[in-house]
PDB file of N, CA and C in Angstrom:
ATOM      1  N   MET A   1     -11.888  -7.184  -7.660  1.00  0.00           N
ATOM      2  CA  MET A   1     -11.290  -6.593  -6.487  1.00  0.00           C
ATOM      3  C   MET A   1     -12.258  -5.590  -5.861  1.00  0.00           C
ATOM      4  N   PHE A   2     -12.934  -4.795  -6.688  1.00  0.00           N
ATOM      5  CA  PHE A   2     -13.854  -3.803  -6.143  1.00  0.00           C
ATOM      6  C   PHE A   2     -15.009  -4.475  -5.407  1.00  0.00           C
ATOM      7  N   ARG A   3     -15.506  -5.573  -5.962  1.00  0.00           N
ATOM      8  CA  ARG A   3     -16.599  -6.292  -5.298  1.00  0.00           C
ATOM      9  C   ARG A   3     -16.130  -6.875  -3.968  1.00  0.00           C
ATOM     10  N   LYS A   4     -14.931  -7.446  -3.961  1.00  0.00           N
ATOM     11  CA  LYS A   4     -14.419  -8.054  -2.731  1.00  0.00           C
ATOM     12  C   LYS A   4     -14.253  -7.021  -1.621  1.00  0.00           C
ATOM     13  N   LYS A   5     -13.880  -5.823  -1.998  1.00  0.00           N
ATOM     14  CA  LYS A   5     -13.661  -4.769  -1.004  1.00  0.00           C
ATOM     15  C   LYS A   5     -14.911  -3.916  -0.801  1.00  0.00           C
ATOM     16  N   ASP A   6     -16.000  -4.271  -1.500  1.00  0.00           N
ATOM     17  CA  ASP A   6     -17.265  -3.547  -1.419  1.00  0.00           C
ATOM     18  C   ASP A   6     -17.094  -2.060  -1.756  1.00  0.00           C
ATOM     19  N   VAL A   7     -16.374  -1.817  -2.865  1.00  0.00           N
ATOM     20  CA  VAL A   7     -16.150  -0.455  -3.358  1.00  0.00           C
ATOM     21  C   VAL A   7     -16.952  -0.285  -4.637  1.00  0.00           C
ATOM     22  N   ASP A   8     -17.702   0.790  -4.716  1.00  0.00           N
ATOM     23  CA  ASP A   8     -18.513   1.074  -5.898  1.00  0.00           C
ATOM     24  C   ASP A   8     -17.600   1.392  -7.076  1.00  0.00           C
ATOM     25  N   SER A   9     -17.639   0.553  -8.106  1.00  0.00           N
ATOM     26  CA  SER A   9     -16.748   0.751  -9.254  1.00  0.00           C
ATOM     27  C   SER A   9     -17.054   2.029 -10.025  1.00  0.00           C
ATOM     28  N   SER A  10     -18.200   2.641  -9.785  1.00  0.00           N
ATOM     29  CA  SER A  10     -18.501   3.907 -10.470  1.00  0.00           C
ATOM     30  C   SER A  10     -17.550   5.014 -10.022  1.00  0.00           C
ATOM     31  N   LEU A  11     -16.874   4.806  -8.914  1.00  0.00           N
ATOM     32  CA  LEU A  11     -15.889   5.789  -8.453  1.00  0.00           C
ATOM     33  C   LEU A  11     -14.751   5.940  -9.451  1.00  0.00           C
ATOM     34  N   LEU A  12     -14.492   4.901 -10.238  1.00  0.00           N
ATOM     35  CA  LEU A  12     -13.443   4.976 -11.260  1.00  0.00           C
ATOM     36  C   LEU A  12     -13.708   6.104 -12.247  1.00  0.00           C
ATOM     37  N   ASN A  13     -14.977   6.331 -12.543  1.00  0.00           N
ATOM     38  CA  ASN A  13     -15.345   7.371 -13.508  1.00  0.00           C
ATOM     39  C   ASN A  13     -15.361   8.760 -12.890  1.00  0.00           C
ATOM     40  N   ARG A  14     -15.212   8.855 -11.593  1.00  0.00           N
ATOM     41  CA  ARG A  14     -15.310  10.143 -10.910  1.00  0.00           C
ATOM     42  C   ARG A  14     -13.963  10.664 -10.428  1.00  0.00           C
ATOM     43  N   LEU A  15     -12.894  10.021 -10.823  1.00  0.00           N
ATOM     44  CA  LEU A  15     -11.560  10.409 -10.363  1.00  0.00           C
ATOM     45  C   LEU A  15     -11.250  11.870 -10.675  1.00  0.00           C
ATOM     46  N   SER A  16     -11.694  12.343 -11.821  1.00  0.00           N
ATOM     47  CA  SER A  16     -11.409  13.726 -12.228  1.00  0.00           C
ATOM     48  C   SER A  16     -11.938  14.748 -11.227  1.00  0.00           C
ATOM     49  N   GLU A  17     -12.979  14.388 -10.506  1.00  0.00           N
ATOM     50  CA  GLU A  17     -13.555  15.296  -9.506  1.00  0.00           C
ATOM     51  C   GLU A  17     -12.586  15.569  -8.350  1.00  0.00           C
ATOM     52  N   TYR A  18     -11.590  14.736  -8.205  1.00  0.00           N
ATOM     53  CA  TYR A  18     -10.677  14.837  -7.064  1.00  0.00           C
ATOM     54  C   TYR A  18      -9.288  15.349  -7.445  1.00  0.00           C
ATOM     55  N   HIS A  19      -9.157  15.903  -8.633  1.00  0.00           N
ATOM     56  CA  HIS A  19      -7.847  16.349  -9.136  1.00  0.00           C
ATOM     57  C   HIS A  19      -7.137  17.270  -8.148  1.00  0.00           C
ATOM     58  N   ASP A  20      -7.794  18.344  -7.738  1.00  0.00           N
ATOM     59  CA  ASP A  20      -7.135  19.332  -6.875  1.00  0.00           C
ATOM     60  C   ASP A  20      -6.736  18.742  -5.528  1.00  0.00           C
ATOM     61  N   GLN A  21      -7.613  17.956  -4.951  1.00  0.00           N
ATOM     62  CA  GLN A  21      -7.322  17.328  -3.663  1.00  0.00           C
ATOM     63  C   GLN A  21      -6.145  16.362  -3.791  1.00  0.00           C
ATOM     64  N   LEU A  22      -6.139  15.577  -4.847  1.00  0.00           N
ATOM     65  CA  LEU A  22      -5.049  14.623  -5.056  1.00  0.00           C
ATOM     66  C   LEU A  22      -3.734  15.319  -5.390  1.00  0.00           C
ATOM     67  N   ALA A  23      -3.800  16.431  -6.132  1.00  0.00           N
ATOM     68  CA  ALA A  23      -2.587  17.192  -6.460  1.00  0.00           C
ATOM     69  C   ALA A  23      -1.950  17.746  -5.187  1.00  0.00           C
ATOM     70  N   LYS A  24      -2.773  18.247  -4.292  1.00  0.00           N
ATOM     71  CA  LYS A  24      -2.264  18.783  -3.025  1.00  0.00           C
ATOM     72  C   LYS A  24      -1.623  17.663  -2.197  1.00  0.00           C
ATOM     73  N   ASP A  25      -2.286  16.524  -2.136  1.00  0.00           N
ATOM     74  CA  ASP A  25      -1.746  15.389  -1.393  1.00  0.00           C
ATOM     75  C   ASP A  25      -0.434  14.908  -2.003  1.00  0.00           C
ATOM     76  N   TYR A  26      -0.354  14.917  -3.329  1.00  0.00           N
ATOM     77  CA  TYR A  26       0.872  14.514  -4.030  1.00  0.00           C
ATOM     78  C   TYR A  26       2.034  15.422  -3.625  1.00  0.00           C
ATOM     79  N   GLN A  27       1.786  16.721  -3.604  1.00  0.00           N
ATOM     80  CA  GLN A  27       2.835  17.682  -3.249  1.00  0.00           C
ATOM     81  C   GLN A  27       3.246  17.562  -1.781  1.00  0.00           C
ATOM     82  N   GLU A  28       2.257  17.403  -0.904  1.00  0.00           N
ATOM     83  CA  GLU A  28       2.527  17.421   0.532  1.00  0.00           C
ATOM     84  C   GLU A  28       2.956  16.071   1.107  1.00  0.00           C
ATOM     85  N   SER A  29       2.445  14.990   0.546  1.00  0.00           N
ATOM     86  CA  SER A  29       2.678  13.682   1.156  1.00  0.00           C
ATOM     87  C   SER A  29       3.550  12.739   0.334  1.00  0.00           C
ATOM     88  N   VAL A  30       3.446  12.816  -0.975  1.00  0.00           N
ATOM     89  CA  VAL A  30       4.184  11.863  -1.811  1.00  0.00           C
ATOM     90  C   VAL A  30       5.595  12.355  -2.101  1.00  0.00           C
ATOM     91  N   LEU A  31       5.708  13.545  -2.664  1.00  0.00           N
ATOM     92  CA  LEU A  31       7.031  14.039  -3.065  1.00  0.00           C
ATOM     93  C   LEU A  31       8.052  14.085  -1.927  1.00  0.00           C
ATOM     94  N   PRO A  32       7.664  14.492  -0.713  1.00  0.00           N
ATOM     95  CA  PRO A  32       8.663  14.503   0.363  1.00  0.00           C
ATOM     96  C   PRO A  32       9.228  13.116   0.689  1.00  0.00           C
ATOM     97  N   GLN A  33       8.511  12.066   0.323  1.00  0.00           N
ATOM     98  CA  GLN A  33       8.966  10.705   0.616  1.00  0.00           C
ATOM     99  C   GLN A  33       9.820  10.107  -0.497  1.00  0.00           C
ATOM    100  N   VAL A  34       9.914  10.805  -1.631  1.00  0.00           N
ATOM    101  CA  VAL A  34      10.685  10.294  -2.760  1.00  0.00           C
ATOM    102  C   VAL A  34      12.158  10.587  -2.510  1.00  0.00           C
ATOM    103  N   ALA A  35      12.932   9.522  -2.345  1.00  0.00           N
ATOM    104  CA  ALA A  35      14.344   9.691  -2.004  1.00  0.00           C
ATOM    105  C   ALA A  35      15.165  10.203  -3.183  1.00  0.00           C
ATOM    106  N   ASN A  36      14.901   9.699  -4.354  1.00  0.00           N
ATOM    107  CA  ASN A  36      15.662  10.064  -5.543  1.00  0.00           C
ATOM    108  C   ASN A  36      15.094  11.349  -6.132  1.00  0.00           C
ATOM    109  N   LYS A  37      15.855  12.419  -6.088  1.00  0.00           N
ATOM    110  CA  LYS A  37      15.366  13.710  -6.563  1.00  0.00           C
ATOM    111  C   LYS A  37      14.968  13.671  -8.034  1.00  0.00           C
ATOM    112  N   GLN A  38      15.581  12.790  -8.812  1.00  0.00           N
ATOM    113  CA  GLN A  38      15.216  12.696 -10.219  1.00  0.00           C
ATOM    114  C   GLN A  38      13.774  12.212 -10.372  1.00  0.00           C
ATOM    115  N   ASN A  39      13.336  11.346  -9.481  1.00  0.00           N
ATOM    116  CA  ASN A  39      11.960  10.862  -9.532  1.00  0.00           C
ATOM    117  C   ASN A  39      10.966  11.960  -9.199  1.00  0.00           C
ATOM    118  N   LYS A  40      11.430  13.020  -8.553  1.00  0.00           N
ATOM    119  CA  LYS A  40      10.538  14.119  -8.213  1.00  0.00           C
ATOM    120  C   LYS A  40      10.109  14.887  -9.454  1.00  0.00           C
ATOM    121  N   ARG A  41      10.747  14.592 -10.582  1.00  0.00           N
ATOM    122  CA  ARG A  41      10.351  15.243 -11.824  1.00  0.00           C
ATOM    123  C   ARG A  41       9.036  14.691 -12.364  1.00  0.00           C
ATOM    124  N   LEU A  42       8.570  13.600 -11.787  1.00  0.00           N
ATOM    125  CA  LEU A  42       7.317  13.027 -12.254  1.00  0.00           C
ATOM    126  C   LEU A  42       6.207  14.056 -12.078  1.00  0.00           C
ATOM    127  N   ASP A  43       5.646  14.443 -13.178  1.00  0.00           N
ATOM    128  CA  ASP A  43       4.623  15.476 -13.185  1.00  0.00           C
ATOM    129  C   ASP A  43       3.288  14.896 -12.727  1.00  0.00           C
ATOM    130  N   PHE A  44       2.679  15.547 -11.748  1.00  0.00           N
ATOM    131  CA  PHE A  44       1.407  15.056 -11.229  1.00  0.00           C
ATOM    132  C   PHE A  44       0.358  14.961 -12.328  1.00  0.00           C
ATOM    133  N   ASP A  45       0.239  15.978 -13.158  1.00  0.00           N
ATOM    134  CA  ASP A  45      -0.803  15.960 -14.186  1.00  0.00           C
ATOM    135  C   ASP A  45      -0.615  14.805 -15.164  1.00  0.00           C
ATOM    136  N   PHE A  46       0.626  14.505 -15.512  1.00  0.00           N
ATOM    137  CA  PHE A  46       0.877  13.349 -16.379  1.00  0.00           C
ATOM    138  C   PHE A  46       0.400  12.068 -15.705  1.00  0.00           C
ATOM    139  N   LEU A  47       0.795  11.868 -14.444  1.00  0.00           N
ATOM    140  CA  LEU A  47       0.395  10.667 -13.715  1.00  0.00           C
ATOM    141  C   LEU A  47      -1.117  10.606 -13.539  1.00  0.00           C
ATOM    142  N   PHE A  48      -1.712  11.736 -13.220  1.00  0.00           N
ATOM    143  CA  PHE A  48      -3.157  11.791 -13.009  1.00  0.00           C
ATOM    144  C   PHE A  48      -3.904  11.444 -14.296  1.00  0.00           C
ATOM    145  N   ASP A  49      -3.525  12.081 -15.398  1.00  0.00           N
ATOM    146  CA  ASP A  49      -4.195  11.830 -16.679  1.00  0.00           C
ATOM    147  C   ASP A  49      -4.042  10.378 -17.112  1.00  0.00           C
ATOM    148  N   TRP A  50      -2.870   9.813 -16.888  1.00  0.00           N
ATOM    149  CA  TRP A  50      -2.642   8.413 -17.243  1.00  0.00           C
ATOM    150  C   TRP A  50      -3.569   7.506 -16.438  1.00  0.00           C
ATOM    151  N   ASN A  51      -3.687   7.795 -15.140  1.00  0.00           N
ATOM    152  CA  ASN A  51      -4.557   6.981 -14.288  1.00  0.00           C
ATOM    153  C   ASN A  51      -6.026   7.157 -14.636  1.00  0.00           C
ATOM    154  N   VAL A  52      -6.444   8.372 -14.940  1.00  0.00           N
ATOM    155  CA  VAL A  52      -7.839   8.596 -15.339  1.00  0.00           C
ATOM    156  C   VAL A  52      -8.155   7.759 -16.571  1.00  0.00           C
ATOM    157  N   SER A  53      -7.262   7.770 -17.539  1.00  0.00           N
ATOM    158  CA  SER A  53      -7.465   6.987 -18.757  1.00  0.00           C
ATOM    159  C   SER A  53      -7.530   5.490 -18.439  1.00  0.00           C
ATOM    160  N   LEU A  54      -6.620   5.031 -17.617  1.00  0.00           N
ATOM    161  CA  LEU A  54      -6.592   3.627 -17.227  1.00  0.00           C
ATOM    162  C   LEU A  54      -7.881   3.231 -16.513  1.00  0.00           C
ATOM    163  N   PHE A  55      -8.316   4.052 -15.567  1.00  0.00           N
ATOM    164  CA  PHE A  55      -9.511   3.725 -14.798  1.00  0.00           C
ATOM    165  C   PHE A  55     -10.775   3.773 -15.645  1.00  0.00           C
ATOM    166  N   LYS A  56     -10.823   4.663 -16.619  1.00  0.00           N
ATOM    167  CA  LYS A  56     -11.971   4.679 -17.534  1.00  0.00           C
ATOM    168  C   LYS A  56     -12.032   3.381 -18.328  1.00  0.00           C
ATOM    169  N   ASP A  57     -10.875   2.900 -18.764  1.00  0.00           N
ATOM    170  CA  ASP A  57     -10.830   1.616 -19.468  1.00  0.00           C
ATOM    171  C   ASP A  57     -11.287   0.477 -18.555  1.00  0.00           C
ATOM    172  N   LEU A  58     -10.819   0.476 -17.317  1.00  0.00           N
ATOM    173  CA  LEU A  58     -11.230  -0.558 -16.367  1.00  0.00           C
ATOM    174  C   LEU A  58     -12.726  -0.501 -16.100  1.00  0.00           C
ATOM    175  N   TYR A  59     -13.246   0.710 -15.965  1.00  0.00           N
ATOM    176  CA  TYR A  59     -14.675   0.877 -15.724  1.00  0.00           C
ATOM    177  C   TYR A  59     -15.473   0.303 -16.892  1.00  0.00           C
ATOM    178  N   THR A  60     -15.019   0.562 -18.101  1.00  0.00           N
ATOM    179  CA  THR A  60     -15.681   0.029 -19.291  1.00  0.00           C
ATOM    180  C   THR A  60     -15.641  -1.500 -19.286  1.00  0.00           C
ATOM    181  N   LEU A  61     -14.520  -2.059 -18.878  1.00  0.00           N
ATOM    182  CA  LEU A  61     -14.382  -3.514 -18.844  1.00  0.00           C
ATOM    183  C   LEU A  61     -15.280  -4.176 -17.801  1.00  0.00           C
ATOM    184  N   THR A  62     -15.661  -3.425 -16.769  1.00  0.00           N
ATOM    185  CA  THR A  62     -16.535  -3.999 -15.743  1.00  0.00           C
ATOM    186  C   THR A  62     -17.965  -4.114 -16.236  1.00  0.00           C
ATOM    187  N   GLY A  63     -18.244  -3.540 -17.404  1.00  0.00           N
ATOM    188  CA  GLY A  63     -19.571  -3.667 -17.988  1.00  0.00           C
ATOM    189  C   GLY A  63     -20.598  -2.723 -17.416  1.00  0.00           C
ATOM    190  N   LYS A  64     -20.167  -1.666 -16.817  1.00  0.00           N
ATOM    191  CA  LYS A  64     -21.106  -0.693 -16.232  1.00  0.00           C
ATOM    192  C   LYS A  64     -21.554   0.296 -17.272  1.00  0.00           C
TER     193      LYS A  64
END
């Protein structure tokens, strides 16, 4: 998918550099759109850490 979209897969390893920017966007843009207030309990840091781990695994699988 990254090759098809001409996206450098090394960006997967750099996600941590964008934590603060993504946290702000999550608060300002994502949470206001969540209709179910219970879903608003989803902690950004939990979601972020899970994705960082997932993307590191994907990066490893790409053979870089």
